[in-house]
Amino acid sequence: MSAYKVTVLGGGAWGTALALAMLRAGHAVTLWARDTDSVTAIAKGTNPRYLAGIVFETGIAATTDLAQALAGTDCVLVVTPAQALRSVLTEVKPHIADDVPLVLCAKGIERDTGRLLSDISSAILPDNPVAALSGPSFATDVSRGLPTAVVVAAEDEALASALAVRFSAANLRCYSSDDLIGVEIGGALKNVFAIAAGAVTGAGLGASAQAALVTRGFVELRRIGAAFGARPETLMGLSGLGDLMLTCSSVQSRNFAYGVALGKGEELAGRPLAEGVATAHIAACIARERGLDAPIIEAVAALLDNAITINEAVAGLMTRPLRAEAD
């Protein structure tokens, strides 16, 4: 199989990690970022701003020139924050050839519109097929070459399968799926539940409470996923349950760490980006509009708005009317 020319958009921790994964899979990799210092460092095998203490192999062609990064590319991995996707793809549009696949690697729902990231991509670049890469994966693990499994999804099953084969390497196993919406929903909502799990941990409410919250959060994820047409087996897989388990259990997760700080009552301004902060509010709105029961998502949104305390949130959840677990 011939090597791809892969373009990675985004010089943060996950963008750098995926660029390394593509390099290790045998592809020619160009990474685009806005920050000159990051570009210079990545080309030399480090990213001290986002991957402190990790030294990796050189070979990534890093640049701040978007046109240069996209010239002749066979595939684009979009690893910029979810809320910046629309503006980034608008910049990309004049420089990308038709039919070049876009692989969305951020996880979220657009805050202002409630649209999934694939919908935004299709609206801005209708001639470029869309896929998503998601699953239980920390950037530090992937950067170090530790074993990781993810899912590559596209509505076109052949495209998903082809990309999964090309992206797989010795320590990155890629499964394919044609349930693009299911993979997106799982990735977006798990960030909200990670904030909730972190808040419970930060408030010192115990491992039992955390386990209950994550389990009931998964019920909400499946409920909302079903409303969007996601398949249950997708949400039970790597991009749903797998990612939820990882993200809700470690401060390596920015969303979990944000929740821990929230539960402890610490200052939140200036903390690293947590995509679940933006997603919580729009997810709560979507649930209300569709008449879906999502009390944990609603509680997280209220916590983030300082409308309730963590103790009030827990009390509200614990005193809800009793029901059968399967309901």
Protein backbone atom coordinates (compact mmCIF):
# COMPACT_ATOMS: atom_id res chain seq x y z
CA MET A 1 0.00 0.00 0.00
CA SER A 2 1.44 3.37 -1.03
CA ALA A 3 2.05 6.06 1.58
CA TYR A 4 -0.37 8.92 1.98
CA LYS A 5 0.49 12.55 2.29
CA VAL A 6 -1.38 13.36 5.50
CA THR A 7 -2.07 16.87 6.74
CA VAL A 8 -2.78 17.39 10.43
CA LEU A 9 -4.47 20.66 11.38
CA GLY A 10 -3.66 21.56 14.98
CA GLY A 11 -0.46 21.66 17.00
CA GLY A 12 -1.84 20.81 20.42
CA ALA A 13 -1.25 17.56 22.29
CA TRP A 14 -3.72 15.47 20.27
CA GLY A 15 -2.68 16.98 16.93
CA THR A 16 0.96 16.22 17.66
CA ALA A 17 0.14 12.71 18.84
CA LEU A 18 -1.86 11.91 15.71
CA ALA A 19 0.84 13.36 13.48
CA LEU A 20 3.29 10.98 15.15
CA ALA A 21 0.87 8.08 14.71
CA MET A 22 0.58 8.84 10.99
CA LEU A 23 4.37 9.11 10.70
CA ARG A 24 4.77 5.72 12.39
CA ALA A 25 2.21 4.28 9.98
CA GLY A 26 4.58 5.18 7.14
CA HIS A 27 2.94 8.35 5.79
CA ALA A 28 4.46 11.70 4.86
CA VAL A 29 3.07 14.07 7.48
CA THR A 30 2.67 17.84 7.46
CA LEU A 31 1.33 19.54 10.58
CA TRP A 32 -0.17 23.02 10.50
CA ALA A 33 -0.46 25.24 13.57
CA ARG A 34 -0.76 28.97 14.15
CA ASP A 35 1.89 29.19 16.87
CA THR A 36 5.40 29.61 15.45
CA ASP A 37 7.12 28.34 18.60
CA SER A 38 5.08 25.14 18.56
CA VAL A 39 5.81 24.56 14.88
CA THR A 40 9.55 25.02 15.46
CA ALA A 41 9.54 22.67 18.45
CA ILE A 42 7.50 19.93 16.76
CA ALA A 43 9.87 19.88 13.80
CA LYS A 44 12.69 19.24 16.28
CA GLY A 45 10.88 16.44 18.13
CA THR A 46 9.26 18.16 21.11
CA ASN A 47 6.11 20.05 22.02
CA PRO A 48 6.90 21.54 25.45
CA ARG A 49 3.71 23.59 25.58
CA TYR A 50 1.38 20.58 25.32
CA LEU A 51 3.52 17.44 25.74
CA ALA A 52 6.03 18.51 28.35
CA GLY A 53 8.85 16.05 28.95
CA ILE A 54 8.17 13.91 25.87
CA VAL A 55 10.83 13.68 23.17
CA PHE A 56 9.75 12.03 19.94
CA GLU A 57 11.16 11.20 16.55
CA THR A 58 11.61 13.91 13.94
CA GLY A 59 10.13 13.74 10.46
CA ILE A 60 6.97 15.82 10.81
CA ALA A 61 7.02 18.78 8.43
CA ALA A 62 5.51 21.53 10.59
CA THR A 63 4.38 24.88 9.18
CA THR A 64 2.25 27.94 9.88
CA ASP A 65 1.37 28.20 6.16
CA LEU A 66 -2.04 26.61 5.62
CA ALA A 67 -1.81 26.56 1.82
CA GLN A 68 1.56 24.84 2.03
CA ALA A 69 0.25 22.28 4.51
CA LEU A 70 -2.68 21.36 2.26
CA ALA A 71 -0.86 21.32 -1.08
CA GLY A 72 -1.14 17.87 -2.66
CA THR A 73 -2.56 16.25 0.47
CA ASP A 74 -4.37 12.91 0.31
CA CYS A 75 -6.10 13.18 3.67
CA VAL A 76 -6.68 15.86 6.32
CA LEU A 77 -6.96 15.19 10.04
CA VAL A 78 -8.75 18.15 11.64
CA VAL A 79 -7.56 18.31 15.25
CA THR A 80 -8.58 21.85 16.16
CA PRO A 81 -11.09 22.51 18.99
CA ALA A 82 -14.72 21.68 18.19
CA GLN A 83 -15.93 25.25 18.67
CA ALA A 84 -13.28 26.50 16.20
CA LEU A 85 -14.11 23.98 13.47
CA ARG A 86 -16.34 26.28 11.42
CA SER A 87 -13.74 29.07 11.22
CA VAL A 88 -10.88 26.67 10.48
CA LEU A 89 -12.73 24.90 7.66
CA THR A 90 -13.66 28.26 6.17
CA GLU A 91 -9.92 29.01 5.99
CA VAL A 92 -9.24 25.56 4.55
CA LYS A 93 -11.82 25.81 1.76
CA PRO A 94 -9.74 27.74 -0.82
CA HIS A 95 -6.77 25.39 -0.43
CA ILE A 96 -8.19 21.87 -0.45
CA ALA A 97 -8.95 19.74 -3.50
CA ASP A 98 -12.33 18.08 -3.93
CA ASP A 99 -12.67 14.48 -2.73
CA VAL A 100 -9.86 14.76 -0.15
CA PRO A 101 -11.27 13.12 3.02
CA LEU A 102 -11.63 15.18 6.18
CA VAL A 103 -11.15 13.18 9.37
CA LEU A 104 -12.63 15.00 12.37
CA CYS A 105 -10.64 14.34 15.54
CA ALA A 106 -12.21 16.81 17.98
CA LYS A 107 -15.21 15.82 20.12
CA GLY A 108 -18.10 18.18 20.65
CA ILE A 109 -21.32 19.78 19.46
CA GLU A 110 -21.33 23.32 18.11
CA ARG A 111 -22.47 25.51 20.99
CA ASP A 112 -24.39 28.12 19.00
CA THR A 113 -26.27 25.81 16.61
CA GLY A 114 -26.41 22.34 18.15
CA ARG A 115 -24.95 20.87 14.97
CA LEU A 116 -22.64 17.88 14.92
CA LEU A 117 -19.16 18.48 13.54
CA SER A 118 -19.83 16.33 10.49
CA ASP A 119 -22.82 18.53 9.62
CA ILE A 120 -20.62 21.63 9.76
CA SER A 121 -17.99 20.00 7.56
CA SER A 122 -20.52 18.90 4.96
CA ALA A 123 -22.04 22.38 4.84
CA ILE A 124 -18.72 24.16 4.33
CA LEU A 125 -16.93 21.56 2.20
CA PRO A 126 -19.69 19.54 0.50
CA ASP A 127 -17.30 17.95 -2.00
CA ASN A 128 -15.04 16.43 0.66
CA PRO A 129 -16.08 13.16 2.32
CA VAL A 130 -16.22 13.27 6.12
CA ALA A 131 -14.97 10.75 8.66
CA ALA A 132 -14.32 10.87 12.40
CA LEU A 133 -11.61 9.33 14.55
CA SER A 134 -12.54 8.68 18.17
CA GLY A 135 -12.00 6.30 21.06
CA PRO A 136 -10.28 5.90 24.45
CA SER A 137 -6.95 7.59 23.83
CA PHE A 138 -4.74 10.00 25.71
CA ALA A 139 -2.33 12.11 23.67
CA THR A 140 0.58 11.26 25.96
CA ASP A 141 0.02 7.53 25.45
CA VAL A 142 -0.17 7.82 21.67
CA SER A 143 2.85 10.13 21.58
CA ARG A 144 4.89 7.58 23.53
CA GLY A 145 3.79 4.79 21.20
CA LEU A 146 1.77 2.93 23.85
CA PRO A 147 -0.91 0.47 22.65
CA THR A 148 -4.16 2.27 21.77
CA ALA A 149 -7.35 1.32 19.91
CA VAL A 150 -9.69 3.79 18.22
CA VAL A 151 -12.55 3.86 15.70
CA VAL A 152 -12.60 5.52 12.29
CA ALA A 153 -16.17 6.17 11.17
CA ALA A 154 -17.75 7.40 7.96
CA GLU A 155 -21.16 6.99 6.37
CA ASP A 156 -19.29 5.39 3.46
CA GLU A 157 -18.22 2.06 4.95
CA ALA A 158 -15.55 1.56 2.28
CA LEU A 159 -13.97 4.90 3.15
CA ALA A 160 -13.98 4.11 6.89
CA SER A 161 -12.38 0.75 6.26
CA ALA A 162 -9.71 2.15 3.93
CA LEU A 163 -8.77 4.90 6.38
CA ALA A 164 -8.66 2.48 9.31
CA VAL A 165 -6.23 0.26 7.42
CA ARG A 166 -4.00 3.17 6.43
CA PHE A 167 -3.95 4.70 9.92
CA SER A 168 -3.18 1.48 11.80
CA ALA A 169 0.37 0.85 12.96
CA ALA A 170 2.19 -1.36 15.46
CA ASN A 171 0.73 0.39 18.52
CA LEU A 172 -2.39 2.00 17.02
CA ARG A 173 -5.23 -0.35 16.11
CA CYS A 174 -8.04 1.28 14.14
CA TYR A 175 -11.46 -0.30 13.81
CA SER A 176 -13.94 0.95 11.20
CA SER A 177 -17.60 1.88 11.47
CA ASP A 178 -20.29 3.31 9.21
CA ASP A 179 -22.15 4.80 12.21
CA LEU A 180 -20.68 8.28 11.98
CA ILE A 181 -23.38 9.89 14.12
CA GLY A 182 -23.00 7.28 16.86
CA VAL A 183 -19.26 7.83 17.05
CA GLU A 184 -19.71 11.61 17.17
CA ILE A 185 -22.40 11.51 19.87
CA GLY A 186 -20.36 9.19 22.07
CA GLY A 187 -17.27 11.37 21.80
CA ALA A 188 -19.13 14.60 22.47
CA LEU A 189 -21.26 13.55 25.44
CA LYS A 190 -18.60 11.58 27.32
CA ASN A 191 -16.85 14.91 27.95
CA VAL A 192 -19.89 16.18 29.84
CA PHE A 193 -20.02 13.08 32.03
CA ALA A 194 -16.28 13.35 32.65
CA ILE A 195 -16.86 16.80 34.16
CA ALA A 196 -19.58 15.30 36.35
CA ALA A 197 -17.35 12.42 37.46
CA GLY A 198 -14.53 14.85 38.20
CA ALA A 199 -16.84 17.07 40.25
CA VAL A 200 -17.95 14.10 42.36
CA THR A 201 -14.31 13.13 42.92
CA GLY A 202 -13.26 16.70 43.70
CA ALA A 203 -16.05 17.04 46.23
CA GLY A 204 -14.92 13.85 47.96
CA LEU A 205 -18.23 12.04 47.52
CA GLY A 206 -16.66 8.62 47.11
CA ALA A 207 -16.01 5.93 44.53
CA SER A 208 -19.54 4.51 44.85
CA ALA A 209 -21.07 7.83 43.84
CA GLN A 210 -18.66 8.16 40.94
CA ALA A 211 -19.47 4.67 39.65
CA ALA A 212 -23.20 5.32 39.89
CA LEU A 213 -22.87 8.63 38.09
CA VAL A 214 -20.83 7.20 35.20
CA THR A 215 -23.24 4.28 34.81
CA ARG A 216 -26.32 6.48 34.77
CA GLY A 217 -24.49 8.91 32.50
CA PHE A 218 -24.09 6.10 30.00
CA VAL A 219 -27.87 5.60 30.12
CA GLU A 220 -28.30 9.25 29.13
CA LEU A 221 -25.71 8.87 26.39
CA ARG A 222 -27.59 5.92 24.91
CA ARG A 223 -30.92 7.75 25.23
CA ILE A 224 -29.68 10.82 23.36
CA GLY A 225 -27.74 8.71 20.89
CA ALA A 226 -30.89 6.77 20.01
CA ALA A 227 -32.73 10.03 19.34
CA PHE A 228 -30.03 10.95 16.82
CA GLY A 229 -30.17 7.51 15.18
CA ALA A 230 -26.97 6.11 16.71
CA ARG A 231 -26.73 2.33 16.93
CA PRO A 232 -26.58 0.81 20.45
CA GLU A 233 -23.57 -1.34 19.57
CA THR A 234 -21.62 1.77 18.58
CA LEU A 235 -22.28 3.40 21.93
CA MET A 236 -21.25 0.17 23.68
CA GLY A 237 -17.95 0.23 21.80
CA LEU A 238 -14.66 2.09 21.89
CA SER A 239 -16.04 5.51 20.93
CA GLY A 240 -18.84 5.34 23.52
CA LEU A 241 -18.42 3.22 26.62
CA GLY A 242 -14.67 2.78 26.12
CA ASP A 243 -13.99 6.49 25.88
CA LEU A 244 -16.38 7.20 28.76
CA MET A 245 -14.52 4.79 31.05
CA LEU A 246 -11.14 6.32 30.27
CA THR A 247 -12.19 9.95 30.43
CA CYS A 248 -14.10 9.57 33.69
CA SER A 249 -11.20 8.00 35.57
CA SER A 250 -8.06 10.09 35.13
CA VAL A 251 -6.86 13.65 35.58
CA GLN A 252 -5.06 13.17 32.25
CA SER A 253 -8.51 13.99 30.87
CA ARG A 254 -8.93 17.75 30.72
CA ASN A 255 -12.66 17.37 31.28
CA PHE A 256 -12.23 15.17 34.36
CA ALA A 257 -9.55 17.52 35.72
CA TYR A 258 -11.87 20.49 35.12
CA GLY A 259 -14.60 18.67 37.03
CA VAL A 260 -12.24 17.92 39.93
CA ALA A 261 -11.41 21.63 40.19
CA LEU A 262 -15.12 22.44 40.01
CA GLY A 263 -15.91 19.98 42.80
CA LYS A 264 -13.14 21.41 44.98
CA GLY A 265 -14.36 24.96 44.41
CA GLU A 266 -11.09 26.02 42.78
CA GLU A 267 -10.61 28.88 40.34
CA LEU A 268 -11.58 27.73 36.85
CA ALA A 269 -10.43 30.68 34.77
CA GLY A 270 -7.33 29.99 32.73
CA ARG A 271 -7.57 26.20 32.94
CA PRO A 272 -6.78 24.12 29.81
CA LEU A 273 -9.60 23.81 27.29
CA ALA A 274 -12.29 21.31 28.32
CA GLU A 275 -14.63 20.67 25.38
CA GLY A 276 -17.36 19.41 27.70
CA VAL A 277 -17.91 22.92 29.10
CA ALA A 278 -19.36 24.13 25.81
CA THR A 279 -21.04 20.83 25.01
CA ALA A 280 -22.91 20.60 28.34
CA HIS A 281 -25.09 23.62 27.70
CA ILE A 282 -26.05 22.75 24.13
CA ALA A 283 -26.58 19.08 25.04
CA ALA A 284 -28.96 20.14 27.81
CA CYS A 285 -30.85 22.33 25.33
CA ILE A 286 -31.07 19.48 22.81
CA ALA A 287 -32.37 17.09 25.48
CA ARG A 288 -35.06 19.55 26.57
CA GLU A 289 -36.12 20.31 23.00
CA ARG A 290 -36.46 16.61 22.20
CA GLY A 291 -38.18 15.76 25.48
CA LEU A 292 -35.33 13.50 26.62
CA ASP A 293 -34.60 12.79 30.26
CA ALA A 294 -30.99 13.86 30.92
CA PRO A 295 -30.69 14.89 34.58
CA ILE A 296 -26.90 14.53 34.80
CA ILE A 297 -26.31 16.68 31.73
CA GLU A 298 -28.77 19.25 33.13
CA ALA A 299 -26.95 19.21 36.48
CA VAL A 300 -23.55 19.75 34.84
CA ALA A 301 -24.88 22.68 32.81
CA ALA A 302 -26.34 24.23 35.99
CA LEU A 303 -23.09 23.67 37.90
CA LEU A 304 -21.09 25.37 35.18
CA ASP A 305 -23.49 28.32 35.31
CA ASN A 306 -23.08 28.52 39.11
CA ALA A 307 -26.83 28.03 39.35
CA ILE A 308 -26.43 25.17 41.86
CA THR A 309 -23.71 23.75 44.11
CA ILE A 310 -22.29 20.24 43.84
CA ASN A 311 -24.20 19.22 46.96
CA GLU A 312 -27.45 20.59 45.52
CA ALA A 313 -26.79 18.75 42.27
CA VAL A 314 -26.25 15.45 44.07
CA ALA A 315 -29.30 15.99 46.28
CA GLY A 316 -31.40 16.67 43.21
CA LEU A 317 -30.23 13.49 41.52
CA MET A 318 -30.69 11.36 44.64
CA THR A 319 -34.26 12.55 45.30
CA ARG A 320 -35.61 12.10 41.78
CA PRO A 321 -38.68 9.84 41.55
CA LEU A 322 -37.72 6.18 41.75
CA ARG A 323 -38.02 4.13 38.57
CA ALA A 324 -36.96 0.83 37.04
CA GLU A 325 -33.26 0.79 36.16
CA ALA A 326 -33.97 -0.05 32.51
CA ASP A 327 -36.25 2.96 32.02
